[in-house]
């Protein structure tokens, strides 16, 4: 059997948070259902943040509560929600999320812009969040994402040592999975490999995820670099939507359809049906008809030479 790689679809969260229009809740629910039917392992369906800051996420509680009732949940599909603080983690838990993603900026500039806290203060908040979650009767997995690990539109170059320090602190706080995030898409394959190796040398397999953006056109190349370094979990967004509203210059995530094609055609298994994945773009377009959609595979079509990994 081919080695399995987890693809976490972040379109309903990262993809929508910077969209110019707000997707109606009923269409968002149908879009998430269509994504679930493709065979995805994880879907990040929203973030528990104040609606005054990100109005696109105002319906997250209702979205999570509906998403956890989908047929595949508990049978190969996990519903993920982002929470930047303890209040958000509590809300995500009560709504039924199986995984909670927590952002921690390596760069001080982005940390202040994104959470209004210093990096150290946000790490301390993560500790409080994990402690509270571990005291609850239902287990929830925690993904701690080291944002701006490969560059920042405020602080510029991010030293390897800074990334390692934050990753170690998050692993020690009890995160189930540490993710390195190229929040603004400044990374390149050499930097990806160097930082993955440096962090893994300190925390081992707790590092197992990459969150990549395609700002400079290197997103898929960076995914391949991570794959070669043993990363087996990737975030991506259908049609390449997304970007951080608190990071100037940030643009879309790597395209889920293109990522799945890379993985499956390279001999890895994702459990995802590419035809169903491409078809889910129609629901996305219905909900956001004026939003640009990206992706080479959707434009070219699945090649006749494509063979899905066994």
C-alpha atoms as a PDB file:
ATOM      1  CA  UNK A   1       0.000   0.000   0.000  1.00  0.00           C
ATOM      2  CA  UNK A   2       1.147   3.535  -0.757  1.00  0.00           C
ATOM      3  CA  UNK A   3       2.227   5.713   2.176  1.00  0.00           C
ATOM      4  CA  UNK A   4      -0.602   7.954   3.374  1.00  0.00           C
ATOM      5  CA  UNK A   5      -0.416  11.754   3.435  1.00  0.00           C
ATOM      6  CA  UNK A   6      -3.008  13.825   5.298  1.00  0.00           C
ATOM      7  CA  UNK A   7      -4.448  16.784   3.411  1.00  0.00           C
ATOM      8  CA  UNK A   8      -6.223  19.357   5.548  1.00  0.00           C
ATOM      9  CA  UNK A   9      -8.569  21.524   3.486  1.00  0.00           C
ATOM     10  CA  UNK A  10      -8.459  25.038   4.979  1.00  0.00           C
ATOM     11  CA  UNK A  11     -10.583  26.796   2.362  1.00  0.00           C
ATOM     12  CA  UNK A  12     -13.642  27.305   4.602  1.00  0.00           C
ATOM     13  CA  UNK A  13     -11.408  29.083   7.124  1.00  0.00           C
ATOM     14  CA  UNK A  14      -8.219  30.515   5.591  1.00  0.00           C
ATOM     15  CA  UNK A  15      -9.787  30.657   2.151  1.00  0.00           C
ATOM     16  CA  UNK A  16     -12.809  32.693   3.203  1.00  0.00           C
ATOM     17  CA  UNK A  17     -11.322  34.961   5.862  1.00  0.00           C
ATOM     18  CA  UNK A  18      -9.851  37.329   3.300  1.00  0.00           C
ATOM     19  CA  UNK A  19     -12.598  37.055   0.652  1.00  0.00           C
ATOM     20  CA  UNK A  20     -14.237  40.338  -0.334  1.00  0.00           C
ATOM     21  CA  UNK A  21     -17.743  38.902   0.041  1.00  0.00           C
ATOM     22  CA  UNK A  22     -19.293  36.764   2.766  1.00  0.00           C
ATOM     23  CA  UNK A  23     -20.390  33.288   1.690  1.00  0.00           C
ATOM     24  CA  UNK A  24     -23.981  32.573   2.824  1.00  0.00           C
ATOM     25  CA  UNK A  25     -24.097  30.021   5.632  1.00  0.00           C
ATOM     26  CA  UNK A  26     -26.288  27.554   3.744  1.00  0.00           C
ATOM     27  CA  UNK A  27     -23.948  27.509   0.755  1.00  0.00           C
ATOM     28  CA  UNK A  28     -20.925  27.202   3.048  1.00  0.00           C
ATOM     29  CA  UNK A  29     -22.551  24.150   4.634  1.00  0.00           C
ATOM     30  CA  UNK A  30     -23.179  22.595   1.213  1.00  0.00           C
ATOM     31  CA  UNK A  31     -19.602  23.364   0.182  1.00  0.00           C
ATOM     32  CA  UNK A  32     -18.190  21.681   3.292  1.00  0.00           C
ATOM     33  CA  UNK A  33     -20.452  18.663   2.650  1.00  0.00           C
ATOM     34  CA  UNK A  34     -19.137  18.474  -0.922  1.00  0.00           C
ATOM     35  CA  UNK A  35     -15.557  18.657   0.376  1.00  0.00           C
ATOM     36  CA  UNK A  36     -16.276  15.924   2.927  1.00  0.00           C
ATOM     37  CA  UNK A  37     -17.567  13.650   0.152  1.00  0.00           C
ATOM     38  CA  UNK A  38     -14.223  13.848  -1.693  1.00  0.00           C
ATOM     39  CA  UNK A  39     -12.429  11.708   0.913  1.00  0.00           C
ATOM     40  CA  UNK A  40     -10.466  14.495   2.621  1.00  0.00           C
ATOM     41  CA  UNK A  41      -8.980  13.548   6.002  1.00  0.00           C
ATOM     42  CA  UNK A  42      -9.399  16.943   7.641  1.00  0.00           C
ATOM     43  CA  UNK A  43     -11.407  20.099   6.931  1.00  0.00           C
ATOM     44  CA  UNK A  44     -10.761  23.323   8.820  1.00  0.00           C
ATOM     45  CA  UNK A  45     -14.242  24.790   8.706  1.00  0.00           C
ATOM     46  CA  UNK A  46     -13.866  28.110  10.527  1.00  0.00           C
ATOM     47  CA  UNK A  47     -12.232  30.146  13.269  1.00  0.00           C
ATOM     48  CA  UNK A  48     -13.552  31.297  16.616  1.00  0.00           C
ATOM     49  CA  UNK A  49     -12.555  34.939  16.367  1.00  0.00           C
ATOM     50  CA  UNK A  50     -14.542  38.143  17.010  1.00  0.00           C
ATOM     51  CA  UNK A  51     -16.860  38.791  14.018  1.00  0.00           C
ATOM     52  CA  UNK A  52     -15.921  42.481  14.112  1.00  0.00           C
ATOM     53  CA  UNK A  53     -12.397  41.450  13.112  1.00  0.00           C
ATOM     54  CA  UNK A  54     -13.262  38.751  10.558  1.00  0.00           C
ATOM     55  CA  UNK A  55     -16.976  38.962   9.675  1.00  0.00           C
ATOM     56  CA  UNK A  56     -16.641  36.000   7.308  1.00  0.00           C
ATOM     57  CA  UNK A  57     -16.285  33.779  10.400  1.00  0.00           C
ATOM     58  CA  UNK A  58     -19.383  35.031  12.266  1.00  0.00           C
ATOM     59  CA  UNK A  59     -21.250  31.745  11.655  1.00  0.00           C
ATOM     60  CA  UNK A  60     -18.415  29.431  12.765  1.00  0.00           C
ATOM     61  CA  UNK A  61     -20.295  27.954  15.726  1.00  0.00           C
ATOM     62  CA  UNK A  62     -23.218  26.904  13.524  1.00  0.00           C
ATOM     63  CA  UNK A  63     -20.846  25.686  10.819  1.00  0.00           C
ATOM     64  CA  UNK A  64     -18.884  23.441  13.205  1.00  0.00           C
ATOM     65  CA  UNK A  65     -22.029  22.032  14.802  1.00  0.00           C
ATOM     66  CA  UNK A  66     -23.409  21.086  11.396  1.00  0.00           C
ATOM     67  CA  UNK A  67     -20.077  19.787  10.050  1.00  0.00           C
ATOM     68  CA  UNK A  68     -19.564  17.297  12.884  1.00  0.00           C
ATOM     69  CA  UNK A  69     -22.820  15.579  11.873  1.00  0.00           C
ATOM     70  CA  UNK A  70     -21.559  14.751   8.369  1.00  0.00           C
ATOM     71  CA  UNK A  71     -21.551  10.996   7.582  1.00  0.00           C
ATOM     72  CA  UNK A  72     -17.756  10.583   7.314  1.00  0.00           C
ATOM     73  CA  UNK A  73     -16.944  12.307  10.623  1.00  0.00           C
ATOM     74  CA  UNK A  74     -15.417   9.665  12.858  1.00  0.00           C
ATOM     75  CA  UNK A  75     -14.859   7.469   9.807  1.00  0.00           C
ATOM     76  CA  UNK A  76     -11.753   9.021   8.296  1.00  0.00           C
ATOM     77  CA  UNK A  77     -12.734  12.703   8.528  1.00  0.00           C
ATOM     78  CA  UNK A  78     -11.895  15.179  11.293  1.00  0.00           C
ATOM     79  CA  UNK A  79     -13.486  18.610  11.659  1.00  0.00           C
ATOM     80  CA  UNK A  80     -10.941  21.285  12.567  1.00  0.00           C
ATOM     81  CA  UNK A  81     -11.507  24.789  13.941  1.00  0.00           C
ATOM     82  CA  UNK A  82      -8.995  27.554  14.564  1.00  0.00           C
ATOM     83  CA  UNK A  83      -8.884  29.250  17.966  1.00  0.00           C
ATOM     84  CA  UNK A  84      -6.400  32.014  18.850  1.00  0.00           C
ATOM     85  CA  UNK A  85      -7.125  32.062  22.593  1.00  0.00           C
ATOM     86  CA  UNK A  86      -8.699  30.170  25.491  1.00  0.00           C
ATOM     87  CA  UNK A  87     -12.159  31.610  24.894  1.00  0.00           C
ATOM     88  CA  UNK A  88     -12.006  30.420  21.289  1.00  0.00           C
ATOM     89  CA  UNK A  89     -10.775  26.965  22.342  1.00  0.00           C
ATOM     90  CA  UNK A  90     -13.680  26.633  24.761  1.00  0.00           C
ATOM     91  CA  UNK A  91     -16.152  27.587  22.049  1.00  0.00           C
ATOM     92  CA  UNK A  92     -14.557  25.169  19.564  1.00  0.00           C
ATOM     93  CA  UNK A  93     -14.727  22.349  22.098  1.00  0.00           C
ATOM     94  CA  UNK A  94     -18.365  23.040  22.941  1.00  0.00           C
ATOM     95  CA  UNK A  95     -19.274  23.113  19.233  1.00  0.00           C
ATOM     96  CA  UNK A  96     -17.773  19.643  18.819  1.00  0.00           C
ATOM     97  CA  UNK A  97     -14.521  20.235  16.875  1.00  0.00           C
ATOM     98  CA  UNK A  98     -12.229  17.197  16.869  1.00  0.00           C
ATOM     99  CA  UNK A  99      -9.060  19.208  16.271  1.00  0.00           C
ATOM    100  CA  UNK A 100      -8.189  22.764  17.219  1.00  0.00           C
ATOM    101  CA  UNK A 101      -5.579  24.711  15.286  1.00  0.00           C
ATOM    102  CA  UNK A 102      -3.772  27.421  17.249  1.00  0.00           C
ATOM    103  CA  UNK A 103      -1.655  30.091  15.501  1.00  0.00           C
ATOM    104  CA  UNK A 104       1.574  31.268  17.132  1.00  0.00           C
ATOM    105  CA  UNK A 105       3.635  33.785  15.178  1.00  0.00           C
ATOM    106  CA  UNK A 106       7.392  33.324  15.207  1.00  0.00           C
ATOM    107  CA  UNK A 107       7.813  36.984  14.251  1.00  0.00           C
ATOM    108  CA  UNK A 108       6.911  39.638  16.810  1.00  0.00           C
ATOM    109  CA  UNK A 109       5.462  41.962  14.177  1.00  0.00           C
ATOM    110  CA  UNK A 110       2.936  39.436  12.937  1.00  0.00           C
ATOM    111  CA  UNK A 111       2.133  38.258  16.459  1.00  0.00           C
ATOM    112  CA  UNK A 112       1.135  41.786  17.474  1.00  0.00           C
ATOM    113  CA  UNK A 113      -0.917  42.238  14.299  1.00  0.00           C
ATOM    114  CA  UNK A 114      -2.606  38.837  14.419  1.00  0.00           C
ATOM    115  CA  UNK A 115      -3.312  38.287  18.143  1.00  0.00           C
ATOM    116  CA  UNK A 116      -2.355  41.607  19.789  1.00  0.00           C
ATOM    117  CA  UNK A 117       0.158  39.664  21.904  1.00  0.00           C
ATOM    118  CA  UNK A 118       3.893  39.084  21.880  1.00  0.00           C
ATOM    119  CA  UNK A 119       5.112  35.674  20.732  1.00  0.00           C
ATOM    120  CA  UNK A 120       5.945  34.658  24.308  1.00  0.00           C
ATOM    121  CA  UNK A 121       2.532  35.767  25.544  1.00  0.00           C
ATOM    122  CA  UNK A 122       0.842  33.735  22.831  1.00  0.00           C
ATOM    123  CA  UNK A 123       2.929  30.669  23.733  1.00  0.00           C
ATOM    124  CA  UNK A 124       1.764  31.093  27.334  1.00  0.00           C
ATOM    125  CA  UNK A 125      -1.837  31.313  26.100  1.00  0.00           C
ATOM    126  CA  UNK A 126      -1.329  28.067  24.174  1.00  0.00           C
ATOM    127  CA  UNK A 127      -0.250  26.423  27.432  1.00  0.00           C
ATOM    128  CA  UNK A 128      -3.453  27.580  29.112  1.00  0.00           C
ATOM    129  CA  UNK A 129      -5.533  26.351  26.178  1.00  0.00           C
ATOM    130  CA  UNK A 130      -3.956  22.909  26.149  1.00  0.00           C
ATOM    131  CA  UNK A 131      -4.250  22.592  29.935  1.00  0.00           C
ATOM    132  CA  UNK A 132      -7.964  23.384  29.759  1.00  0.00           C
ATOM    133  CA  UNK A 133      -8.572  21.016  26.851  1.00  0.00           C
ATOM    134  CA  UNK A 134      -6.732  18.154  28.570  1.00  0.00           C
ATOM    135  CA  UNK A 135      -9.010  18.568  31.597  1.00  0.00           C
ATOM    136  CA  UNK A 136     -12.151  17.965  29.509  1.00  0.00           C
ATOM    137  CA  UNK A 137     -13.820  14.540  29.171  1.00  0.00           C
ATOM    138  CA  UNK A 138     -13.581  14.483  25.358  1.00  0.00           C
ATOM    139  CA  UNK A 139     -10.115  14.386  23.786  1.00  0.00           C
ATOM    140  CA  UNK A 140      -9.408  17.075  21.202  1.00  0.00           C
ATOM    141  CA  UNK A 141      -6.211  17.089  19.165  1.00  0.00           C
ATOM    142  CA  UNK A 142      -4.171  20.298  19.119  1.00  0.00           C
ATOM    143  CA  UNK A 143      -2.278  21.497  16.060  1.00  0.00           C
ATOM    144  CA  UNK A 144       0.083  24.359  16.956  1.00  0.00           C
ATOM    145  CA  UNK A 145       1.065  26.353  13.871  1.00  0.00           C
ATOM    146  CA  UNK A 146       4.303  28.356  13.859  1.00  0.00           C
ATOM    147  CA  UNK A 147       3.121  31.238  11.656  1.00  0.00           C
ATOM    148  CA  UNK A 148       5.611  33.291   9.578  1.00  0.00           C
ATOM    149  CA  UNK A 149       8.224  30.546   9.985  1.00  0.00           C
ATOM    150  CA  UNK A 150       9.652  31.250   6.531  1.00  0.00           C
ATOM    151  CA  UNK A 151       9.461  35.029   6.377  1.00  0.00           C
ATOM    152  CA  UNK A 152       7.315  37.931   7.521  1.00  0.00           C
ATOM    153  CA  UNK A 153       5.982  41.043   5.787  1.00  0.00           C
ATOM    154  CA  UNK A 154       6.688  42.986   9.009  1.00  0.00           C
ATOM    155  CA  UNK A 155       9.984  41.540  10.262  1.00  0.00           C
ATOM    156  CA  UNK A 156      11.537  40.120   7.095  1.00  0.00           C
ATOM    157  CA  UNK A 157      13.903  37.153   7.420  1.00  0.00           C
ATOM    158  CA  UNK A 158      13.119  34.695  10.224  1.00  0.00           C
ATOM    159  CA  UNK A 159      16.209  32.967  11.676  1.00  0.00           C
ATOM    160  CA  UNK A 160      16.163  29.187  12.034  1.00  0.00           C
ATOM    161  CA  UNK A 161      16.890  29.506  15.760  1.00  0.00           C
ATOM    162  CA  UNK A 162      13.703  31.529  16.298  1.00  0.00           C
ATOM    163  CA  UNK A 163      11.580  28.869  14.612  1.00  0.00           C
ATOM    164  CA  UNK A 164      13.209  26.090  16.619  1.00  0.00           C
ATOM    165  CA  UNK A 165      12.647  27.939  19.919  1.00  0.00           C
ATOM    166  CA  UNK A 166       8.936  28.445  19.291  1.00  0.00           C
ATOM    167  CA  UNK A 167       8.451  24.878  18.041  1.00  0.00           C
ATOM    168  CA  UNK A 168      10.179  23.443  21.121  1.00  0.00           C
ATOM    169  CA  UNK A 169       8.034  25.569  23.439  1.00  0.00           C
ATOM    170  CA  UNK A 170       4.863  24.363  21.705  1.00  0.00           C
ATOM    171  CA  UNK A 171       5.903  20.715  21.858  1.00  0.00           C
ATOM    172  CA  UNK A 172       6.683  21.100  25.556  1.00  0.00           C
ATOM    173  CA  UNK A 173       3.275  22.728  26.074  1.00  0.00           C
ATOM    174  CA  UNK A 174       1.681  19.497  24.857  1.00  0.00           C
ATOM    175  CA  UNK A 175       0.743  20.135  21.223  1.00  0.00           C
ATOM    176  CA  UNK A 176      -0.101  16.917  19.385  1.00  0.00           C
ATOM    177  CA  UNK A 177       1.279  18.263  16.113  1.00  0.00           C
ATOM    178  CA  UNK A 178       3.535  21.233  15.368  1.00  0.00           C
ATOM    179  CA  UNK A 179       3.078  22.797  11.946  1.00  0.00           C
ATOM    180  CA  UNK A 180       5.452  25.204  10.221  1.00  0.00           C
ATOM    181  CA  UNK A 181       3.471  27.850   8.365  1.00  0.00           C
ATOM    182  CA  UNK A 182       4.621  29.961   5.433  1.00  0.00           C
ATOM    183  CA  UNK A 183       1.977  32.567   6.241  1.00  0.00           C
ATOM    184  CA  UNK A 184       2.970  35.098   3.591  1.00  0.00           C
ATOM    185  CA  UNK A 185       4.423  32.671   1.041  1.00  0.00           C
ATOM    186  CA  UNK A 186       8.026  33.863   1.141  1.00  0.00           C
ATOM    187  CA  UNK A 187       9.533  30.399   1.599  1.00  0.00           C
ATOM    188  CA  UNK A 188      11.676  28.445  -0.835  1.00  0.00           C
ATOM    189  CA  UNK A 189      12.555  24.731  -0.967  1.00  0.00           C
ATOM    190  CA  UNK A 190      16.012  25.197   0.572  1.00  0.00           C
ATOM    191  CA  UNK A 191      14.602  27.131   3.537  1.00  0.00           C
ATOM    192  CA  UNK A 192      11.779  24.615   3.929  1.00  0.00           C
ATOM    193  CA  UNK A 193      14.246  21.740   4.176  1.00  0.00           C
ATOM    194  CA  UNK A 194      16.618  23.567   6.518  1.00  0.00           C
ATOM    195  CA  UNK A 195      13.924  24.536   9.011  1.00  0.00           C
ATOM    196  CA  UNK A 196      12.136  21.193   8.905  1.00  0.00           C
ATOM    197  CA  UNK A 197      15.432  19.443   9.646  1.00  0.00           C
ATOM    198  CA  UNK A 198      16.365  21.846  12.441  1.00  0.00           C
ATOM    199  CA  UNK A 199      12.981  21.609  14.160  1.00  0.00           C
ATOM    200  CA  UNK A 200      12.720  17.847  13.767  1.00  0.00           C
ATOM    201  CA  UNK A 201      16.159  17.441  15.332  1.00  0.00           C
ATOM    202  CA  UNK A 202      14.710  18.991  18.491  1.00  0.00           C
ATOM    203  CA  UNK A 203      11.117  17.701  18.667  1.00  0.00           C
ATOM    204  CA  UNK A 204      11.127  14.667  16.396  1.00  0.00           C
ATOM    205  CA  UNK A 205       7.851  13.465  14.831  1.00  0.00           C
ATOM    206  CA  UNK A 206       5.749  16.031  16.718  1.00  0.00           C
ATOM    207  CA  UNK A 207       6.669  18.206  13.728  1.00  0.00           C
ATOM    208  CA  UNK A 208       4.557  16.734  10.957  1.00  0.00           C
ATOM    209  CA  UNK A 209       2.807  19.533   9.087  1.00  0.00           C
ATOM    210  CA  UNK A 210       3.316  22.375   6.643  1.00  0.00           C
ATOM    211  CA  UNK A 211       0.937  25.239   5.896  1.00  0.00           C
ATOM    212  CA  UNK A 212       1.990  26.778   2.598  1.00  0.00           C
ATOM    213  CA  UNK A 213       0.983  29.783   0.520  1.00  0.00           C
ATOM    214  CA  UNK A 214       1.760  30.430  -3.135  1.00  0.00           C
ATOM    215  CA  UNK A 215       2.522  34.169  -3.041  1.00  0.00           C
ATOM    216  CA  UNK A 216       5.776  33.828  -4.975  1.00  0.00           C
ATOM    217  CA  UNK A 217       4.801  30.778  -7.028  1.00  0.00           C
ATOM    218  CA  UNK A 218       6.835  28.253  -5.026  1.00  0.00           C
ATOM    219  CA  UNK A 219       4.040  26.646  -3.029  1.00  0.00           C
ATOM    220  CA  UNK A 220       3.985  23.258  -4.753  1.00  0.00           C
ATOM    221  CA  UNK A 221       7.790  23.158  -4.926  1.00  0.00           C
ATOM    222  CA  UNK A 222       7.836  23.832  -1.186  1.00  0.00           C
ATOM    223  CA  UNK A 223       5.342  21.013  -0.613  1.00  0.00           C
ATOM    224  CA  UNK A 224       7.610  18.623  -2.485  1.00  0.00           C
ATOM    225  CA  UNK A 225      10.577  19.773  -0.390  1.00  0.00           C
ATOM    226  CA  UNK A 226       8.594  19.072   2.770  1.00  0.00           C
ATOM    227  CA  UNK A 227       7.501  15.706   1.430  1.00  0.00           C
ATOM    228  CA  UNK A 228      11.137  14.788   0.791  1.00  0.00           C
ATOM    229  CA  UNK A 229      11.924  15.697   4.403  1.00  0.00           C
ATOM    230  CA  UNK A 230       9.245  13.352   5.721  1.00  0.00           C
ATOM    231  CA  UNK A 231       6.337  15.755   6.257  1.00  0.00           C
ATOM    232  CA  UNK A 232       3.087  13.841   5.946  1.00  0.00           C
ATOM    233  CA  UNK A 233       0.442  16.509   6.597  1.00  0.00           C
ATOM    234  CA  UNK A 234      -0.236  19.553   4.425  1.00  0.00           C
ATOM    235  CA  UNK A 235      -2.748  22.393   4.579  1.00  0.00           C
ATOM    236  CA  UNK A 236      -4.213  23.655   1.311  1.00  0.00           C
ATOM    237  CA  UNK A 237      -7.298  25.404  -0.037  1.00  0.00           C
ATOM    238  CA  UNK A 238      -9.619  24.513  -2.884  1.00  0.00           C
ATOM    239  CA  UNK A 239      -9.010  26.829  -5.851  1.00  0.00           C
ATOM    240  CA  UNK A 240      -6.092  28.438  -4.020  1.00  0.00           C
ATOM    241  CA  UNK A 241      -8.177  30.831  -1.953  1.00  0.00           C
ATOM    242  CA  UNK A 242      -6.880  32.466   1.174  1.00  0.00           C
ATOM    243  CA  UNK A 243      -4.446  34.709   2.945  1.00  0.00           C
ATOM    244  CA  UNK A 244      -4.023  36.320   6.341  1.00  0.00           C
ATOM    245  CA  UNK A 245      -5.873  39.649   6.729  1.00  0.00           C
ATOM    246  CA  UNK A 246      -3.281  40.681   9.323  1.00  0.00           C
ATOM    247  CA  UNK A 247      -0.217  40.006   7.152  1.00  0.00           C
ATOM    248  CA  UNK A 248       0.213  42.556   4.332  1.00  0.00           C
ATOM    249  CA  UNK A 249       0.976  40.929   0.984  1.00  0.00           C
ATOM    250  CA  UNK A 250      -0.248  37.471   1.917  1.00  0.00           C
ATOM    251  CA  UNK A 251      -2.031  35.689  -0.925  1.00  0.00           C
ATOM    252  CA  UNK A 252      -3.668  32.340  -1.534  1.00  0.00           C
ATOM    253  CA  UNK A 253      -2.903  28.921  -0.113  1.00  0.00           C
ATOM    254  CA  UNK A 254      -1.484  26.178  -2.270  1.00  0.00           C
ATOM    255  CA  UNK A 255      -4.251  24.695  -4.419  1.00  0.00           C
ATOM    256  CA  UNK A 256      -5.712  21.498  -2.943  1.00  0.00           C
ATOM    257  CA  UNK A 257      -6.418  19.992  -6.346  1.00  0.00           C
ATOM    258  CA  UNK A 258      -2.829  20.542  -7.517  1.00  0.00           C
ATOM    259  CA  UNK A 259      -1.398  19.268  -4.224  1.00  0.00           C
ATOM    260  CA  UNK A 260      -3.459  16.072  -4.366  1.00  0.00           C
ATOM    261  CA  UNK A 261      -2.341  15.504  -7.956  1.00  0.00           C
ATOM    262  CA  UNK A 262       1.294  15.937  -6.882  1.00  0.00           C
ATOM    263  CA  UNK A 263       0.898  13.479  -4.034  1.00  0.00           C
ATOM    264  CA  UNK A 264      -1.102  10.797  -5.822  1.00  0.00           C
ATOM    265  CA  UNK A 265       0.925  10.919  -9.042  1.00  0.00           C
ATOM    266  CA  UNK A 266       4.107  10.645  -6.937  1.00  0.00           C
ATOM    267  CA  UNK A 267       2.901   7.393  -5.377  1.00  0.00           C
ATOM    268  CA  UNK A 268       1.409   8.647  -2.099  1.00  0.00           C
ATOM    269  CA  UNK A 269      -2.152   7.950  -1.004  1.00  0.00           C
ATOM    270  CA  UNK A 270      -4.532  10.716   0.136  1.00  0.00           C
ATOM    271  CA  UNK A 271      -7.891   8.950  -0.026  1.00  0.00           C
ATOM    272  CA  UNK A 272      -9.191  11.857  -2.125  1.00  0.00           C
ATOM    273  CA  UNK A 273     -11.222  11.577  -5.334  1.00  0.00           C
ATOM    274  CA  UNK A 274      -9.815  14.222  -7.679  1.00  0.00           C
ATOM    275  CA  UNK A 275     -12.910  14.410  -9.863  1.00  0.00           C
ATOM    276  CA  UNK A 276     -15.125  15.079  -6.823  1.00  0.00           C
ATOM    277  CA  UNK A 277     -12.605  17.625  -5.564  1.00  0.00           C
ATOM    278  CA  UNK A 278     -12.700  19.559  -8.833  1.00  0.00           C
ATOM    279  CA  UNK A 279     -16.507  19.336  -8.872  1.00  0.00           C
ATOM    280  CA  UNK A 280     -16.617  20.985  -5.412  1.00  0.00           C
ATOM    281  CA  UNK A 281     -15.328  24.169  -7.033  1.00  0.00           C
ATOM    282  CA  UNK A 282     -18.802  24.710  -8.475  1.00  0.00           C
ATOM    283  CA  UNK A 283     -20.327  25.110  -5.007  1.00  0.00           C
ATOM    284  CA  UNK A 284     -17.503  27.453  -4.019  1.00  0.00           C
ATOM    285  CA  UNK A 285     -18.169  29.574  -7.096  1.00  0.00           C
ATOM    286  CA  UNK A 286     -21.891  29.629  -6.310  1.00  0.00           C
ATOM    287  CA  UNK A 287     -21.160  31.044  -2.877  1.00  0.00           C
ATOM    288  CA  UNK A 288     -18.497  33.533  -4.007  1.00  0.00           C
ATOM    289  CA  UNK A 289     -19.175  34.227  -7.695  1.00  0.00           C
ATOM    290  CA  UNK A 290     -16.840  37.236  -7.872  1.00  0.00           C
ATOM    291  CA  UNK A 291     -13.881  35.602  -6.117  1.00  0.00           C
ATOM    292  CA  UNK A 292     -11.015  34.520  -8.439  1.00  0.00           C
ATOM    293  CA  UNK A 293     -10.320  30.795  -8.500  1.00  0.00           C
ATOM    294  CA  UNK A 294      -6.922  29.287  -9.220  1.00  0.00           C
ATOM    295  CA  UNK A 295      -5.501  25.873 -10.012  1.00  0.00           C
ATOM    296  CA  UNK A 296      -3.651  24.316 -12.921  1.00  0.00           C
ATOM    297  CA  UNK A 297      -5.279  20.886 -12.700  1.00  0.00           C
ATOM    298  CA  UNK A 298      -8.828  22.231 -12.843  1.00  0.00           C
ATOM    299  CA  UNK A 299      -7.929  24.238 -15.937  1.00  0.00           C
ATOM    300  CA  UNK A 300      -6.056  21.444 -17.716  1.00  0.00           C
ATOM    301  CA  UNK A 301      -8.138  18.501 -16.558  1.00  0.00           C
ATOM    302  CA  UNK A 302      -6.858  15.287 -14.992  1.00  0.00           C
ATOM    303  CA  UNK A 303      -4.278  13.811 -17.438  1.00  0.00           C
ATOM    304  CA  UNK A 304      -5.125  10.545 -19.126  1.00  0.00           C
ATOM    305  CA  UNK A 305      -1.821   9.183 -17.782  1.00  0.00           C
ATOM    306  CA  UNK A 306      -2.889   9.757 -14.160  1.00  0.00           C
ATOM    307  CA  UNK A 307      -2.896   6.663 -11.999  1.00  0.00           C
ATOM    308  CA  UNK A 308      -4.208   6.993  -8.438  1.00  0.00           C
ATOM    309  CA  UNK A 309      -1.958   5.519  -5.768  1.00  0.00           C
ATOM    310  CA  UNK A 310      -3.141   2.158  -4.443  1.00  0.00           C
END
